[in-house]
Protein backbone atom coordinates (compact mmCIF):
# COMPACT_ATOMS: atom_id res chain seq x y z
CA MET A 1 -6.86 -32.06 -34.04
CA TYR A 2 -8.59 -30.99 -30.82
CA LEU A 3 -12.06 -29.54 -30.58
CA TYR A 4 -13.36 -27.79 -27.50
CA TYR A 5 -16.92 -26.89 -26.67
CA GLU A 6 -18.04 -24.55 -23.91
CA ASN A 7 -21.60 -24.27 -22.72
CA GLU A 8 -22.30 -20.54 -22.61
CA GLU A 9 -25.05 -20.87 -19.99
CA VAL A 10 -22.70 -22.69 -17.62
CA LEU A 11 -20.01 -20.05 -18.20
CA LYS A 12 -22.46 -17.23 -17.51
CA LYS A 13 -23.59 -18.92 -14.30
CA HIS A 14 -20.02 -19.36 -13.04
CA TYR A 15 -19.13 -15.81 -14.04
CA GLN A 16 -22.07 -14.43 -12.04
CA VAL A 17 -20.97 -16.37 -8.96
CA LEU A 18 -17.33 -15.39 -9.31
CA SER A 19 -18.01 -11.74 -10.10
CA LYS A 20 -19.91 -11.17 -6.83
CA ASN A 21 -16.75 -11.06 -4.73
CA GLN A 22 -14.10 -9.23 -6.69
CA VAL A 23 -11.24 -7.17 -5.35
CA GLU A 24 -11.74 -3.54 -6.34
CA LEU A 25 -8.23 -2.36 -7.15
CA THR A 26 -7.36 1.10 -5.87
CA LYS A 27 -3.62 1.20 -6.58
CA ILE A 28 -1.49 -0.64 -9.14
CA ASN A 29 2.22 -0.38 -9.99
CA ASN A 30 5.05 -2.72 -11.03
CA GLN A 31 5.47 -4.34 -7.61
CA LYS A 32 2.29 -3.63 -5.68
CA TYR A 33 -1.48 -4.10 -5.92
CA GLU A 34 -3.89 -2.62 -3.38
CA GLY A 35 -7.64 -3.01 -3.21
CA THR A 36 -10.72 -3.73 -1.14
CA ILE A 37 -13.19 -6.58 -1.04
CA ASN A 38 -16.47 -7.15 0.80
CA LEU A 39 -17.38 -10.78 1.52
CA ASP A 40 -20.75 -12.18 2.62
CA ASN A 41 -19.66 -15.63 3.84
CA ASP A 42 -17.05 -16.71 6.40
CA GLU A 43 -13.85 -18.47 5.41
CA GLN A 44 -13.80 -17.98 1.68
CA TYR A 45 -10.77 -18.39 -0.51
CA ILE A 46 -9.90 -15.46 -2.71
CA MET A 47 -8.03 -16.59 -5.80
CA PHE A 48 -5.73 -14.25 -7.69
CA THR A 49 -4.95 -14.87 -11.35
CA ILE A 50 -1.33 -14.16 -10.58
CA PRO A 51 1.16 -17.02 -10.86
CA TYR A 52 2.29 -18.33 -7.47
CA GLU A 53 5.85 -17.34 -6.68
CA ASN A 54 7.82 -17.14 -3.43
CA GLY A 55 8.43 -13.38 -3.66
CA TRP A 56 4.79 -12.38 -2.98
CA LYS A 57 3.80 -10.91 0.39
CA VAL A 58 0.08 -10.43 1.03
CA THR A 59 -1.36 -8.32 3.83
CA VAL A 60 -5.03 -8.09 4.78
CA ASP A 61 -6.03 -5.11 6.91
CA GLY A 62 -2.33 -4.50 7.64
CA LYS A 63 -1.58 -8.05 8.83
CA GLU A 64 0.47 -10.50 6.78
CA VAL A 65 -1.44 -13.63 5.71
CA GLU A 66 -0.33 -16.97 4.31
CA VAL A 67 -0.42 -17.29 0.53
CA GLU A 68 -1.54 -20.69 -0.69
CA LYS A 69 -0.74 -22.30 -4.01
CA ILE A 70 -3.84 -23.58 -5.82
CA LEU A 71 -4.37 -25.34 -9.14
CA ASP A 72 -0.59 -25.92 -9.20
CA ALA A 73 -0.03 -22.38 -10.41
CA LEU A 74 -2.08 -19.59 -8.83
CA MET A 75 -2.25 -17.75 -5.50
CA ALA A 76 -5.11 -17.73 -3.00
CA ILE A 77 -5.75 -16.44 0.51
CA LYS A 78 -8.40 -17.34 3.06
CA LEU A 79 -10.65 -14.53 4.36
CA ASP A 80 -13.56 -14.13 6.75
CA SER A 81 -16.68 -12.14 5.95
CA GLY A 82 -16.65 -8.37 5.99
CA GLU A 83 -14.78 -5.61 4.21
CA HIS A 84 -11.02 -6.03 3.88
CA LYS A 85 -8.13 -4.02 2.50
CA ILE A 86 -5.75 -6.29 0.58
CA CYS A 87 -2.20 -5.44 -0.41
CA LEU A 88 -0.03 -7.68 -2.61
CA GLU A 89 3.66 -6.80 -2.88
CA TYR A 90 6.27 -8.57 -4.95
CA ARG A 91 9.97 -8.66 -4.20
CA PRO A 92 11.93 -11.24 -6.18
CA THR A 93 13.95 -13.64 -4.07
CA GLY A 94 17.61 -12.77 -4.28
CA ILE A 95 17.08 -9.11 -5.17
CA ILE A 96 19.02 -7.85 -2.14
CA VAL A 97 21.96 -10.21 -2.66
CA GLY A 98 21.93 -9.42 -6.38
CA SER A 99 21.94 -5.66 -5.71
CA ILE A 100 24.86 -5.96 -3.29
CA LEU A 101 26.88 -8.07 -5.73
CA THR A 102 26.14 -5.61 -8.55
CA PHE A 103 27.29 -2.69 -6.40
CA ILE A 104 30.50 -4.53 -5.45
CA GLY A 105 31.10 -5.35 -9.14
CA ILE A 106 30.71 -1.69 -10.15
CA ILE A 107 33.14 -0.57 -7.41
CA MET A 108 35.68 -3.22 -8.51
CA PHE A 109 35.32 -2.16 -12.17
CA LEU A 110 35.78 1.54 -11.35
CA THR A 111 38.80 0.70 -9.18
CA PHE A 112 40.29 -1.30 -12.05
CA VAL A 113 39.74 1.57 -14.52
CA VAL A 114 41.32 4.14 -12.16
CA MET A 115 44.29 1.85 -11.38
CA SER A 116 44.83 1.13 -15.10
CA LYS A 117 45.00 4.88 -15.87
CA LYS A 118 47.50 5.45 -13.02
CA ILE A 119 49.71 2.60 -14.25
CA LYS A 120 49.66 3.94 -17.84
CA LYS A 121 50.73 7.43 -16.60
CA ASN A 122 53.77 5.98 -14.80
């Protein structure tokens, strides 16, 4: 049996610090998040509670930035002070190759069905 205890005062303190610099989301859909953030200090890391995966592309003020893996699972980016527009887009690796192979498979299947009907008629 495991028992866990959390000090509420410590949690409140950390929440207050973390909640100061939040990304205000302006647009959300299945593959894209857009928002703005205003930072007071230079060179801060912004952590996203999104699992790190190779398909993510992050742009800040229209320029692509490097996504870093932190805590062995989450994504973070490094930002300077000021107001920034952040855009996170996800495109699974292999989606283009998978789409092409699916299209080829459908064409082959339709060709097989058409050829089978022609052979049965003869």
